[in-house]
PDB file of N, CA and C in Angstrom:
ATOM      1  N   MET A   1       0.841  -1.158   0.000  1.00  0.00           N
ATOM      2  CA  MET A   1       0.000   0.000   0.000  1.00  0.00           C
ATOM      3  C   MET A   1       0.895   1.233   0.000  1.00  0.00           C
ATOM      4  N   GLN A   2       0.460   2.198  -0.799  1.00  0.00           N
ATOM      5  CA  GLN A   2       1.258   3.422  -0.960  1.00  0.00           C
ATOM      6  C   GLN A   2       0.764   4.484   0.010  1.00  0.00           C
ATOM      7  N   LYS A   3       1.687   5.124   0.672  1.00  0.00           N
ATOM      8  CA  LYS A   3       1.340   6.171   1.625  1.00  0.00           C
ATOM      9  C   LYS A   3       1.482   7.528   0.943  1.00  0.00           C
ATOM     10  N   ILE A   4       0.561   8.453   1.303  1.00  0.00           N
ATOM     11  CA  ILE A   4       0.662   9.810   0.775  1.00  0.00           C
ATOM     12  C   ILE A   4       0.923  10.761   1.938  1.00  0.00           C
ATOM     13  N   SER A   5       1.539  11.835   1.618  1.00  0.00           N
ATOM     14  CA  SER A   5       1.874  12.809   2.663  1.00  0.00           C
ATOM     15  C   SER A   5       0.627  13.597   3.051  1.00  0.00           C
ATOM     16  N   SER A   6       0.691  14.241   4.174  1.00  0.00           N
ATOM     17  CA  SER A   6      -0.444  15.041   4.639  1.00  0.00           C
ATOM     18  C   SER A   6      -0.691  16.222   3.711  1.00  0.00           C
ATOM     19  N   ASN A   7       0.357  16.750   3.089  1.00  0.00           N
ATOM     20  CA  ASN A   7       0.192  17.853   2.129  1.00  0.00           C
ATOM     21  C   ASN A   7      -0.564  17.379   0.892  1.00  0.00           C
ATOM     22  N   ASP A   8      -0.202  16.158   0.413  1.00  0.00           N
ATOM     23  CA  ASP A   8      -0.900  15.598  -0.756  1.00  0.00           C
ATOM     24  C   ASP A   8      -2.364  15.304  -0.413  1.00  0.00           C
ATOM     25  N   ALA A   9      -2.597  14.782   0.781  1.00  0.00           N
ATOM     26  CA  ALA A   9      -3.962  14.484   1.211  1.00  0.00           C
ATOM     27  C   ALA A   9      -4.790  15.758   1.299  1.00  0.00           C
ATOM     28  N   ALA A  10      -4.209  16.817   1.829  1.00  0.00           N
ATOM     29  CA  ALA A  10      -4.919  18.093   1.942  1.00  0.00           C
ATOM     30  C   ALA A  10      -5.248  18.648   0.562  1.00  0.00           C
ATOM     31  N   ALA A  11      -4.289  18.522  -0.377  1.00  0.00           N
ATOM     32  CA  ALA A  11      -4.521  19.004  -1.733  1.00  0.00           C
ATOM     33  C   ALA A  11      -5.631  18.206  -2.416  1.00  0.00           C
ATOM     34  N   LEU A  12      -5.640  16.882  -2.201  1.00  0.00           N
ATOM     35  CA  LEU A  12      -6.691  16.031  -2.780  1.00  0.00           C
ATOM     36  C   LEU A  12      -8.069  16.374  -2.200  1.00  0.00           C
ATOM     37  N   LEU A  13      -8.122  16.588  -0.908  1.00  0.00           N
ATOM     38  CA  LEU A  13      -9.394  16.953  -0.272  1.00  0.00           C
ATOM     39  C   LEU A  13      -9.904  18.305  -0.768  1.00  0.00           C
ATOM     40  N   LYS A  14      -8.980  19.237  -0.987  1.00  0.00           N
ATOM     41  CA  LYS A  14      -9.362  20.548  -1.501  1.00  0.00           C
ATOM     42  C   LYS A  14      -9.932  20.406  -2.914  1.00  0.00           C
ATOM     43  N   GLN A  15      -9.269  19.601  -3.764  1.00  0.00           N
ATOM     44  CA  GLN A  15      -9.750  19.365  -5.141  1.00  0.00           C
ATOM     45  C   GLN A  15     -11.098  18.642  -5.121  1.00  0.00           C
ATOM     46  N   ALA A  16     -11.240  17.666  -4.221  1.00  0.00           N
ATOM     47  CA  ALA A  16     -12.495  16.920  -4.129  1.00  0.00           C
ATOM     48  C   ALA A  16     -13.640  17.843  -3.704  1.00  0.00           C
ATOM     49  N   GLY A  17     -13.392  18.711  -2.740  1.00  0.00           N
ATOM     50  CA  GLY A  17     -14.428  19.649  -2.290  1.00  0.00           C
ATOM     51  C   GLY A  17     -14.861  20.585  -3.401  1.00  0.00           C
ATOM     52  N   THR A  18     -13.878  21.094  -4.150  1.00  0.00           N
ATOM     53  CA  THR A  18     -14.185  21.979  -5.274  1.00  0.00           C
ATOM     54  C   THR A  18     -14.991  21.232  -6.343  1.00  0.00           C
ATOM     55  N   ALA A  19     -14.577  19.996  -6.654  1.00  0.00           N
ATOM     56  CA  ALA A  19     -15.278  19.198  -7.664  1.00  0.00           C
ATOM     57  C   ALA A  19     -16.711  18.902  -7.237  1.00  0.00           C
ATOM     58  N   ILE A  20     -16.894  18.580  -5.963  1.00  0.00           N
ATOM     59  CA  ILE A  20     -18.242  18.285  -5.462  1.00  0.00           C
ATOM     60  C   ILE A  20     -19.127  19.526  -5.523  1.00  0.00           C
ATOM     61  N   ARG A  21     -18.602  20.679  -5.143  1.00  0.00           N
ATOM     62  CA  ARG A  21     -19.389  21.924  -5.209  1.00  0.00           C
ATOM     63  C   ARG A  21     -19.751  22.258  -6.654  1.00  0.00           C
ATOM     64  N   ASP A  22     -18.801  22.091  -7.584  1.00  0.00           N
ATOM     65  CA  ASP A  22     -19.065  22.371  -8.998  1.00  0.00           C
ATOM     66  C   ASP A  22     -20.143  21.436  -9.549  1.00  0.00           C
ATOM     67  N   LEU A  23     -20.029  20.154  -9.197  1.00  0.00           N
ATOM     68  CA  LEU A  23     -21.025  19.190  -9.675  1.00  0.00           C
ATOM     69  C   LEU A  23     -22.400  19.440  -9.058  1.00  0.00           C
ATOM     70  N   THR A  24     -22.429  19.844  -7.815  1.00  0.00           N
ATOM     71  CA  THR A  24     -23.709  20.159  -7.157  1.00  0.00           C
ATOM     72  C   THR A  24     -24.370  21.366  -7.814  1.00  0.00           C
ATOM     73  N   ARG A  25     -23.579  22.397  -8.105  1.00  0.00           N
ATOM     74  CA  ARG A  25     -24.108  23.589  -8.764  1.00  0.00           C
ATOM     75  C   ARG A  25     -24.634  23.235 -10.159  1.00  0.00           C
ATOM     76  N   GLU A  26     -23.866  22.455 -10.910  1.00  0.00           N
ATOM     77  CA  GLU A  26     -24.291  22.040 -12.256  1.00  0.00           C
ATOM     78  C   GLU A  26     -25.560  21.202 -12.184  1.00  0.00           C
ATOM     79  N   ASN A  27     -25.643  20.320 -11.190  1.00  0.00           N
ATOM     80  CA  ASN A  27     -26.824  19.478 -11.021  1.00  0.00           C
ATOM     81  C   ASN A  27     -28.063  20.327 -10.754  1.00  0.00           C
ATOM     82  N   LEU A  28     -27.925  21.334  -9.898  1.00  0.00           N
ATOM     83  CA  LEU A  28     -29.050  22.215  -9.598  1.00  0.00           C
ATOM     84  C   LEU A  28     -29.479  23.011 -10.833  1.00  0.00           C
ATOM     85  N   GLU A  29     -28.515  23.478 -11.613  1.00  0.00           N
ATOM     86  CA  GLU A  29     -28.835  24.213 -12.849  1.00  0.00           C
ATOM     87  C   GLU A  29     -29.585  23.319 -13.829  1.00  0.00           C
ATOM     88  N   LEU A  30     -29.123  22.083 -13.966  1.00  0.00           N
ATOM     89  CA  LEU A  30     -29.777  21.152 -14.890  1.00  0.00           C
ATOM     90  C   LEU A  30     -31.174  20.775 -14.410  1.00  0.00           C
ATOM     91  N   LYS A  31     -31.350  20.620 -13.106  1.00  0.00           N
ATOM     92  CA  LYS A  31     -32.689  20.347 -12.567  1.00  0.00           C
ATOM     93  C   LYS A  31     -33.630  21.512 -12.862  1.00  0.00           C
ATOM     94  N   GLY A  32     -33.118  22.735 -12.705  1.00  0.00           N
ATOM     95  CA  GLY A  32     -33.933  23.918 -13.005  1.00  0.00           C
ATOM     96  C   GLY A  32     -34.342  23.969 -14.467  1.00  0.00           C
ATOM     97  N   LYS A  33     -33.396  23.677 -15.354  1.00  0.00           N
ATOM     98  CA  LYS A  33     -33.702  23.666 -16.789  1.00  0.00           C
ATOM     99  C   LYS A  33     -34.714  22.575 -17.127  1.00  0.00           C
ATOM    100  N   LEU A  34     -34.550  21.416 -16.505  1.00  0.00           N
ATOM    101  CA  LEU A  34     -35.475  20.311 -16.746  1.00  0.00           C
ATOM    102  C   LEU A  34     -36.886  20.665 -16.285  1.00  0.00           C
ATOM    103  N   GLU A  35     -36.996  21.284 -15.114  1.00  0.00           N
ATOM    104  CA  GLU A  35     -38.305  21.706 -14.613  1.00  0.00           C
ATOM    105  C   GLU A  35     -38.926  22.765 -15.516  1.00  0.00           C
ATOM    106  N   LYS A  36     -38.111  23.691 -16.006  1.00  0.00           N
ATOM    107  CA  LYS A  36     -38.611  24.733 -16.910  1.00  0.00           C
ATOM    108  C   LYS A  36     -39.094  24.116 -18.217  1.00  0.00           C
ATOM    109  N   ASN A  37     -38.339  23.170 -18.767  1.00  0.00           N
ATOM    110  CA  ASN A  37     -38.754  22.516 -20.012  1.00  0.00           C
ATOM    111  C   ASN A  37     -40.039  21.717 -19.818  1.00  0.00           C
ATOM    112  N   ALA A  38     -40.154  21.031 -18.688  1.00  0.00           N
ATOM    113  CA  ALA A  38     -41.373  20.275 -18.403  1.00  0.00           C
ATOM    114  C   ALA A  38     -42.563  21.230 -18.254  1.00  0.00           C
ATOM    115  N   HIS A  39     -42.349  22.363 -17.587  1.00  0.00           N
ATOM    116  CA  HIS A  39     -43.410  23.361 -17.419  1.00  0.00           C
ATOM    117  C   HIS A  39     -43.819  23.924 -18.785  1.00  0.00           C
ATOM    118  N   ASP A  40     -42.836  24.250 -19.624  1.00  0.00           N
ATOM    119  CA  ASP A  40     -43.132  24.786 -20.952  1.00  0.00           C
ATOM    120  C   ASP A  40     -43.900  23.771 -21.802  1.00  0.00           C
ATOM    121  N   ALA A  41     -43.514  22.507 -21.728  1.00  0.00           N
ATOM    122  CA  ALA A  41     -44.232  21.467 -22.482  1.00  0.00           C
ATOM    123  C   ALA A  41     -45.671  21.355 -21.998  1.00  0.00           C
ATOM    124  N   ARG A  42     -45.867  21.460 -20.707  1.00  0.00           N
ATOM    125  CA  ARG A  42     -47.219  21.388 -20.144  1.00  0.00           C
ATOM    126  C   ARG A  42     -48.045  22.601 -20.565  1.00  0.00           C
ATOM    127  N   VAL A  43     -47.418  23.763 -20.598  1.00  0.00           N
ATOM    128  CA  VAL A  43     -48.108  24.990 -21.014  1.00  0.00           C
ATOM    129  C   VAL A  43     -48.558  24.865 -22.467  1.00  0.00           C
ATOM    130  N   VAL A  44     -47.688  24.377 -23.338  1.00  0.00           N
ATOM    131  CA  VAL A  44     -48.039  24.228 -24.754  1.00  0.00           C
ATOM    132  C   VAL A  44     -49.157  23.209 -24.917  1.00  0.00           C
ATOM    133  N   LYS A  45     -49.082  22.109 -24.184  1.00  0.00           N
ATOM    134  CA  LYS A  45     -50.143  21.088 -24.256  1.00  0.00           C
ATOM    135  C   LYS A  45     -51.478  21.679 -23.810  1.00  0.00           C
ATOM    136  N   LEU A  46     -51.455  22.450 -22.738  1.00  0.00           N
ATOM    137  CA  LEU A  46     -52.674  23.072 -22.230  1.00  0.00           C
ATOM    138  C   LEU A  46     -53.221  24.096 -23.228  1.00  0.00           C
ATOM    139  N   ALA A  47     -52.340  24.853 -23.856  1.00  0.00           N
ATOM    140  CA  ALA A  47     -52.777  25.823 -24.867  1.00  0.00           C
ATOM    141  C   ALA A  47     -53.415  25.110 -26.053  1.00  0.00           C
ATOM    142  N   ARG A  48     -52.879  23.970 -26.432  1.00  0.00           N
ATOM    143  CA  ARG A  48     -53.490  23.204 -27.541  1.00  0.00           C
ATOM    144  C   ARG A  48     -54.843  22.644 -27.153  1.00  0.00           C
ATOM    145  N   GLU A  49     -54.981  22.215 -25.913  1.00  0.00           N
ATOM    146  CA  GLU A  49     -56.292  21.760 -25.449  1.00  0.00           C
ATOM    147  C   GLU A  49     -57.295  22.907 -25.497  1.00  0.00           C
ATOM    148  N   MET A  50     -56.833  24.103 -25.135  1.00  0.00           N
ATOM    149  CA  MET A  50     -57.706  25.274 -25.207  1.00  0.00           C
ATOM    150  C   MET A  50     -58.100  25.557 -26.650  1.00  0.00           C
ATOM    151  N   GLU A  51     -57.160  25.397 -27.572  1.00  0.00           N
ATOM    152  CA  GLU A  51     -57.452  25.584 -29.005  1.00  0.00           C
ATOM    153  C   GLU A  51     -58.531  24.608 -29.450  1.00  0.00           C
ATOM    154  N   GLU A  52     -58.382  23.336 -29.064  1.00  0.00           N
ATOM    155  CA  GLU A  52     -59.335  22.307 -29.472  1.00  0.00           C
ATOM    156  C   GLU A  52     -60.743  22.587 -28.954  1.00  0.00           C
ATOM    157  N   LYS A  53     -60.831  23.163 -27.764  1.00  0.00           N
ATOM    158  CA  LYS A  53     -62.135  23.444 -27.164  1.00  0.00           C
ATOM    159  C   LYS A  53     -62.664  24.824 -27.534  1.00  0.00           C
ATOM    160  N   GLY A  54     -61.863  25.612 -28.237  1.00  0.00           N
ATOM    161  CA  GLY A  54     -62.310  26.942 -28.640  1.00  0.00           C
ATOM    162  C   GLY A  54     -62.264  27.968 -27.523  1.00  0.00           C
ATOM    163  N   LEU A  55     -61.465  27.718 -26.504  1.00  0.00           N
ATOM    164  CA  LEU A  55     -61.359  28.658 -25.385  1.00  0.00           C
ATOM    165  C   LEU A  55     -60.392  29.778 -25.750  1.00  0.00           C
ATOM    166  N   MET A  56     -60.720  30.981 -25.358  1.00  0.00           N
ATOM    167  CA  MET A  56     -59.916  32.175 -25.654  1.00  0.00           C
ATOM    168  C   MET A  56     -59.615  32.243 -27.157  1.00  0.00           C
ATOM    169  N   ASP A  57     -60.629  32.062 -27.970  1.00  0.00           N
ATOM    170  CA  ASP A  57     -60.420  31.990 -29.418  1.00  0.00           C
ATOM    171  C   ASP A  57     -60.009  33.314 -30.046  1.00  0.00           C
ATOM    172  N   GLN A  58     -60.034  34.398 -29.278  1.00  0.00           N
ATOM    173  CA  GLN A  58     -59.554  35.673 -29.797  1.00  0.00           C
ATOM    174  C   GLN A  58     -58.028  35.722 -29.819  1.00  0.00           C
ATOM    175  N   PHE A  59     -57.371  34.757 -29.169  1.00  0.00           N
ATOM    176  CA  PHE A  59     -55.910  34.683 -29.141  1.00  0.00           C
ATOM    177  C   PHE A  59     -55.422  33.510 -29.979  1.00  0.00           C
ATOM    178  N   ASN A  60     -54.242  33.674 -30.582  1.00  0.00           N
ATOM    179  CA  ASN A  60     -53.659  32.536 -31.304  1.00  0.00           C
ATOM    180  C   ASN A  60     -52.889  31.678 -30.303  1.00  0.00           C
ATOM    181  N   LEU A  61     -52.312  30.575 -30.791  1.00  0.00           N
ATOM    182  CA  LEU A  61     -51.640  29.625 -29.907  1.00  0.00           C
ATOM    183  C   LEU A  61     -50.473  30.271 -29.162  1.00  0.00           C
ATOM    184  N   ALA A  62     -49.683  31.065 -29.847  1.00  0.00           N
ATOM    185  CA  ALA A  62     -48.523  31.707 -29.205  1.00  0.00           C
ATOM    186  C   ALA A  62     -48.958  32.658 -28.096  1.00  0.00           C
ATOM    187  N   GLU A  63     -50.049  33.383 -28.309  1.00  0.00           N
ATOM    188  CA  GLU A  63     -50.545  34.302 -27.282  1.00  0.00           C
ATOM    189  C   GLU A  63     -51.089  33.540 -26.077  1.00  0.00           C
ATOM    190  N   LYS A  64     -51.728  32.397 -26.339  1.00  0.00           N
ATOM    191  CA  LYS A  64     -52.224  31.573 -25.232  1.00  0.00           C
ATOM    192  C   LYS A  64     -51.060  31.025 -24.414  1.00  0.00           C
ATOM    193  N   VAL A  65     -50.011  30.580 -25.106  1.00  0.00           N
ATOM    194  CA  VAL A  65     -48.831  30.070 -24.409  1.00  0.00           C
ATOM    195  C   VAL A  65     -48.212  31.166 -23.555  1.00  0.00           C
ATOM    196  N   ALA A  66     -48.079  32.365 -24.113  1.00  0.00           N
ATOM    197  CA  ALA A  66     -47.513  33.485 -23.360  1.00  0.00           C
ATOM    198  C   ALA A  66     -48.365  33.799 -22.140  1.00  0.00           C
ATOM    199  N   HIS A  67     -49.675  33.764 -22.299  1.00  0.00           N
ATOM    200  CA  HIS A  67     -50.578  34.025 -21.173  1.00  0.00           C
ATOM    201  C   HIS A  67     -50.436  32.942 -20.102  1.00  0.00           C
ATOM    202  N   LEU A  68     -50.401  31.686 -20.520  1.00  0.00           N
ATOM    203  CA  LEU A  68     -50.327  30.584 -19.556  1.00  0.00           C
ATOM    204  C   LEU A  68     -48.996  30.549 -18.806  1.00  0.00           C
ATOM    205  N   ARG A  69     -47.938  31.056 -19.419  1.00  0.00           N
ATOM    206  CA  ARG A  69     -46.647  31.102 -18.722  1.00  0.00           C
ATOM    207  C   ARG A  69     -46.697  32.043 -17.523  1.00  0.00           C
ATOM    208  N   LYS A  70     -47.618  33.010 -17.544  1.00  0.00           N
ATOM    209  CA  LYS A  70     -47.736  33.988 -16.456  1.00  0.00           C
ATOM    210  C   LYS A  70     -48.696  33.526 -15.353  1.00  0.00           C
ATOM    211  N   VAL A  71     -49.430  32.446 -15.609  1.00  0.00           N
ATOM    212  CA  VAL A  71     -50.425  31.974 -14.644  1.00  0.00           C
ATOM    213  C   VAL A  71     -49.712  31.450 -13.401  1.00  0.00           C
ATOM    214  N   PRO A  72     -50.101  31.936 -12.208  1.00  0.00           N
ATOM    215  CA  PRO A  72     -49.397  31.515 -10.996  1.00  0.00           C
ATOM    216  C   PRO A  72     -49.627  30.054 -10.616  1.00  0.00           C
ATOM    217  N   ASN A  73     -50.828  29.520 -10.863  1.00  0.00           N
ATOM    218  CA  ASN A  73     -51.132  28.143 -10.498  1.00  0.00           C
ATOM    219  C   ASN A  73     -51.689  27.429 -11.718  1.00  0.00           C
ATOM    220  N   LEU A  74     -50.818  26.749 -12.424  1.00  0.00           N
ATOM    221  CA  LEU A  74     -51.209  26.085 -13.665  1.00  0.00           C
ATOM    222  C   LEU A  74     -52.156  24.916 -13.400  1.00  0.00           C
ATOM    223  N   GLU A  75     -52.097  24.330 -12.210  1.00  0.00           N
ATOM    224  CA  GLU A  75     -52.985  23.211 -11.872  1.00  0.00           C
ATOM    225  C   GLU A  75     -54.454  23.628 -11.946  1.00  0.00           C
ATOM    226  N   VAL A  76     -54.751  24.795 -11.404  1.00  0.00           N
ATOM    227  CA  VAL A  76     -56.132  25.283 -11.389  1.00  0.00           C
ATOM    228  C   VAL A  76     -56.608  25.539 -12.818  1.00  0.00           C
ATOM    229  N   THR A  77     -55.768  26.160 -13.624  1.00  0.00           N
ATOM    230  CA  THR A  77     -56.126  26.444 -15.010  1.00  0.00           C
ATOM    231  C   THR A  77     -56.309  25.156 -15.796  1.00  0.00           C
ATOM    232  N   ALA A  78     -55.424  24.186 -15.578  1.00  0.00           N
ATOM    233  CA  ALA A  78     -55.535  22.900 -16.279  1.00  0.00           C
ATOM    234  C   ALA A  78     -56.847  22.202 -15.928  1.00  0.00           C
ATOM    235  N   GLU A  79     -57.239  22.269 -14.671  1.00  0.00           N
ATOM    236  CA  GLU A  79     -58.498  21.652 -14.257  1.00  0.00           C
ATOM    237  C   GLU A  79     -59.691  22.381 -14.870  1.00  0.00           C
ATOM    238  N   ALA A  80     -59.610  23.705 -14.952  1.00  0.00           N
ATOM    239  CA  ALA A  80     -60.698  24.477 -15.561  1.00  0.00           C
ATOM    240  C   ALA A  80     -60.836  24.148 -17.044  1.00  0.00           C
ATOM    241  N   VAL A  81     -59.714  24.018 -17.738  1.00  0.00           N
ATOM    242  CA  VAL A  81     -59.757  23.668 -19.159  1.00  0.00           C
ATOM    243  C   VAL A  81     -60.314  22.263 -19.329  1.00  0.00           C
ATOM    244  N   LYS A  82     -59.925  21.368 -18.440  1.00  0.00           N
ATOM    245  CA  LYS A  82     -60.410  19.987 -18.497  1.00  0.00           C
ATOM    246  C   LYS A  82     -61.931  19.937 -18.338  1.00  0.00           C
ATOM    247  N   LEU A  83     -62.455  20.775 -17.447  1.00  0.00           N
ATOM    248  CA  LEU A  83     -63.894  20.782 -17.181  1.00  0.00           C
ATOM    249  C   LEU A  83     -64.697  21.583 -18.200  1.00  0.00           C
ATOM    250  N   ALA A  84     -64.038  22.455 -18.946  1.00  0.00           N
ATOM    251  CA  ALA A  84     -64.747  23.330 -19.887  1.00  0.00           C
ATOM    252  C   ALA A  84     -65.310  22.522 -21.052  1.00  0.00           C
ATOM    253  N   ALA A  85     -66.496  22.901 -21.445  1.00  0.00           N
ATOM    254  CA  ALA A  85     -67.117  22.274 -22.609  1.00  0.00           C
ATOM    255  C   ALA A  85     -66.588  22.956 -23.868  1.00  0.00           C
ATOM    256  N   PRO A  86     -66.555  22.228 -24.977  1.00  0.00           N
ATOM    257  CA  PRO A  86     -66.145  22.861 -26.241  1.00  0.00           C
ATOM    258  C   PRO A  86     -67.048  24.057 -26.545  1.00  0.00           C
ATOM    259  N   GLN A  87     -66.433  25.153 -26.966  1.00  0.00           N
ATOM    260  CA  GLN A  87     -67.174  26.377 -27.238  1.00  0.00           C
ATOM    261  C   GLN A  87     -67.653  26.406 -28.683  1.00  0.00           C
ATOM    262  N   GLY A  88     -68.637  27.245 -28.944  1.00  0.00           N
ATOM    263  CA  GLY A  88     -69.112  27.457 -30.302  1.00  0.00           C
ATOM    264  C   GLY A  88     -70.071  26.386 -30.794  1.00  0.00           C
ATOM    265  N   GLN A  89     -70.436  25.479 -29.922  1.00  0.00           N
ATOM    266  CA  GLN A  89     -71.388  24.456 -30.314  1.00  0.00           C
ATOM    267  C   GLN A  89     -72.660  24.677 -29.525  1.00  0.00           C
ATOM    268  N   GLY A  90     -73.751  24.868 -30.244  1.00  0.00           N
ATOM    269  CA  GLY A  90     -75.022  25.084 -29.571  1.00  0.00           C
ATOM    270  C   GLY A  90     -75.601  23.768 -29.090  1.00  0.00           C
ATOM    271  N   PHE A  91     -76.762  23.871 -28.499  1.00  0.00           N
ATOM    272  CA  PHE A  91     -77.422  22.683 -28.000  1.00  0.00           C
ATOM    273  C   PHE A  91     -78.267  22.001 -29.066  1.00  0.00           C
ATOM    274  N   GLY A  92     -78.286  22.569 -30.250  1.00  0.00           N
ATOM    275  CA  GLY A  92     -79.086  21.977 -31.317  1.00  0.00           C
ATOM    276  C   GLY A  92     -80.383  22.731 -31.486  1.00  0.00           C
ATOM    277  N   GLY A  93     -81.032  22.428 -32.572  1.00  0.00           N
ATOM    278  CA  GLY A  93     -82.289  23.087 -32.855  1.00  0.00           C
ATOM    279  C   GLY A  93     -83.349  22.073 -33.205  1.00  0.00           C
ATOM    280  N   VAL A  94     -84.539  22.572 -33.488  1.00  0.00           N
ATOM    281  CA  VAL A  94     -85.653  21.700 -33.810  1.00  0.00           C
ATOM    282  C   VAL A  94     -85.356  20.892 -35.062  1.00  0.00           C
ATOM    283  N   GLY A  95     -84.681  21.503 -36.038  1.00  0.00           N
ATOM    284  CA  GLY A  95     -84.386  20.819 -37.287  1.00  0.00           C
ATOM    285  C   GLY A  95     -83.369  19.708 -37.136  1.00  0.00           C
ATOM    286  N   GLU A  96     -82.676  19.643 -36.017  1.00  0.00           N
ATOM    287  CA  GLU A  96     -81.666  18.614 -35.818  1.00  0.00           C
ATOM    288  C   GLU A  96     -82.213  17.376 -35.131  1.00  0.00           C
ATOM    289  N   VAL A  97     -83.473  17.413 -34.708  1.00  0.00           N
ATOM    290  CA  VAL A  97     -84.076  16.252 -34.070  1.00  0.00           C
ATOM    291  C   VAL A  97     -84.468  15.265 -35.158  1.00  0.00           C
ATOM    292  N   PRO A  98     -84.054  14.010 -35.037  1.00  0.00           N
ATOM    293  CA  PRO A  98     -84.407  13.027 -36.070  1.00  0.00           C
ATOM    294  C   PRO A  98     -85.913  12.922 -36.244  1.00  0.00           C
ATOM    295  N   GLY A  99     -86.346  12.917 -37.484  1.00  0.00           N
ATOM    296  CA  GLY A  99     -87.763  12.782 -37.792  1.00  0.00           C
ATOM    297  C   GLY A  99     -88.526  14.096 -37.777  1.00  0.00           C
ATOM    298  N   VAL A 100     -87.884  15.181 -37.403  1.00  0.00           N
ATOM    299  CA  VAL A 100     -88.549  16.472 -37.346  1.00  0.00           C
ATOM    300  C   VAL A 100     -87.866  17.394 -38.338  1.00  0.00           C
ATOM    301  N   GLY A 101     -88.640  17.998 -39.236  1.00  0.00           N
ATOM    302  CA  GLY A 101     -88.088  18.908 -40.222  1.00  0.00           C
ATOM    303  C   GLY A 101     -87.893  20.295 -39.646  1.00  0.00           C
ATOM    304  N   GLU A 102     -87.552  21.212 -40.534  1.00  0.00           N
ATOM    305  CA  GLU A 102     -87.361  22.589 -40.119  1.00  0.00           C
ATOM    306  C   GLU A 102     -88.714  23.198 -39.768  1.00  0.00           C
ATOM    307  N   HIS A 103     -88.713  24.089 -38.837  1.00  0.00           N
ATOM    308  CA  HIS A 103     -89.947  24.738 -38.404  1.00  0.00           C
ATOM    309  C   HIS A 103     -90.582  25.445 -39.608  1.00  0.00           C
ATOM    310  N   PRO A 104     -91.906  25.352 -39.744  1.00  0.00           N
ATOM    311  CA  PRO A 104     -92.583  25.961 -40.903  1.00  0.00           C
ATOM    312  C   PRO A 104     -92.325  27.465 -41.041  1.00  0.00           C
ATOM    313  N   PHE A 105     -92.242  28.170 -39.945  1.00  0.00           N
ATOM    314  CA  PHE A 105     -91.998  29.604 -40.010  1.00  0.00           C
ATOM    315  C   PHE A 105     -90.618  29.893 -40.603  1.00  0.00           C
ATOM    316  N   ILE A 106     -89.600  29.103 -40.217  1.00  0.00           N
ATOM    317  CA  ILE A 106     -88.248  29.258 -40.763  1.00  0.00           C
ATOM    318  C   ILE A 106     -88.255  28.969 -42.260  1.00  0.00           C
ATOM    319  N   THR A 107     -88.968  27.940 -42.656  1.00  0.00           N
ATOM    320  CA  THR A 107     -89.065  27.618 -44.080  1.00  0.00           C
ATOM    321  C   THR A 107     -89.704  28.762 -44.847  1.00  0.00           C
ATOM    322  N   PHE A 108     -90.757  29.347 -44.298  1.00  0.00           N
ATOM    323  CA  PHE A 108     -91.429  30.454 -44.955  1.00  0.00           C
ATOM    324  C   PHE A 108     -90.501  31.659 -45.085  1.00  0.00           C
ATOM    325  N   ILE A 109     -89.740  31.954 -44.029  1.00  0.00           N
ATOM    326  CA  ILE A 109     -88.815  33.087 -44.076  1.00  0.00           C
ATOM    327  C   ILE A 109     -87.724  32.849 -45.111  1.00  0.00           C
ATOM    328  N   ASN A 110     -87.189  31.629 -45.139  1.00  0.00           N
ATOM    329  CA  ASN A 110     -86.086  31.324 -46.063  1.00  0.00           C
ATOM    330  C   ASN A 110     -86.529  31.255 -47.519  1.00  0.00           C
ATOM    331  N   THR A 111     -87.706  30.707 -47.772  1.00  0.00           N
ATOM    332  CA  THR A 111     -88.121  30.447 -49.159  1.00  0.00           C
ATOM    333  C   THR A 111     -89.276  31.324 -49.617  1.00  0.00           C
ATOM    334  N   GLY A 112     -90.054  31.857 -48.697  1.00  0.00           N
ATOM    335  CA  GLY A 112     -91.228  32.614 -49.060  1.00  0.00           C
ATOM    336  C   GLY A 112     -92.415  31.728 -49.387  1.00  0.00           C
ATOM    337  N   GLU A 113     -92.241  30.432 -49.215  1.00  0.00           N
ATOM    338  CA  GLU A 113     -93.304  29.486 -49.498  1.00  0.00           C
ATOM    339  C   GLU A 113     -93.683  28.718 -48.237  1.00  0.00           C
ATOM    340  N   ALA A 114     -94.893  28.294 -48.200  1.00  0.00           N
ATOM    341  CA  ALA A 114     -95.333  27.499 -47.045  1.00  0.00           C
ATOM    342  C   ALA A 114     -94.685  26.117 -47.129  1.00  0.00           C
ATOM    343  N   SER A 115     -94.365  25.570 -45.973  1.00  0.00           N
ATOM    344  CA  SER A 115     -93.750  24.223 -45.943  1.00  0.00           C
ATOM    345  C   SER A 115     -94.817  23.171 -46.053  1.00  0.00           C
ATOM    346  N   GLU A 116     -94.385  21.922 -46.128  1.00  0.00           N
ATOM    347  CA  GLU A 116     -95.317  20.818 -46.214  1.00  0.00           C
ATOM    348  C   GLU A 116     -96.143  20.696 -44.957  1.00  0.00           C
ATOM    349  N   ASP A 117     -95.590  21.131 -43.820  1.00  0.00           N
ATOM    350  CA  ASP A 117     -96.296  21.059 -42.557  1.00  0.00           C
ATOM    351  C   ASP A 117     -97.413  22.091 -42.485  1.00  0.00           C
ATOM    352  N   GLY A 118     -97.323  23.112 -43.348  1.00  0.00           N
ATOM    353  CA  GLY A 118     -98.325  24.161 -43.376  1.00  0.00           C
ATOM    354  C   GLY A 118     -97.967  25.320 -42.486  1.00  0.00           C
ATOM    355  N   LEU A 119     -98.421  26.479 -42.878  1.00  0.00           N
ATOM    356  CA  LEU A 119     -98.188  27.696 -42.079  1.00  0.00           C
ATOM    357  C   LEU A 119     -99.412  28.532 -42.124  1.00  0.00           C
TER     358      LEU A 119
END
């Protein structure tokens, strides 16, 4: 077994401490970047879900992403988007019920003629 002097041991410990601090700092920086990338991916996914449902349709995708990046609690917004119904879709009309035609008054307004149902 090889013996090292106390000066060599002190120098090795100093280098080891510096290396450990550098690696710890780098690890923390990489964790921060990873969390930011995961957050950004989640924001983009949420903005696309909003696009699909027609939410905030006055904004384009990039504007929605920019807005969502400023949201303090993304969990609450994600849950609200999840619960939101698709926008721009009505509940249907009389003409959409199977077996029922368009209302006679609507037919008269559109064509100027009485419908088969009579008016």
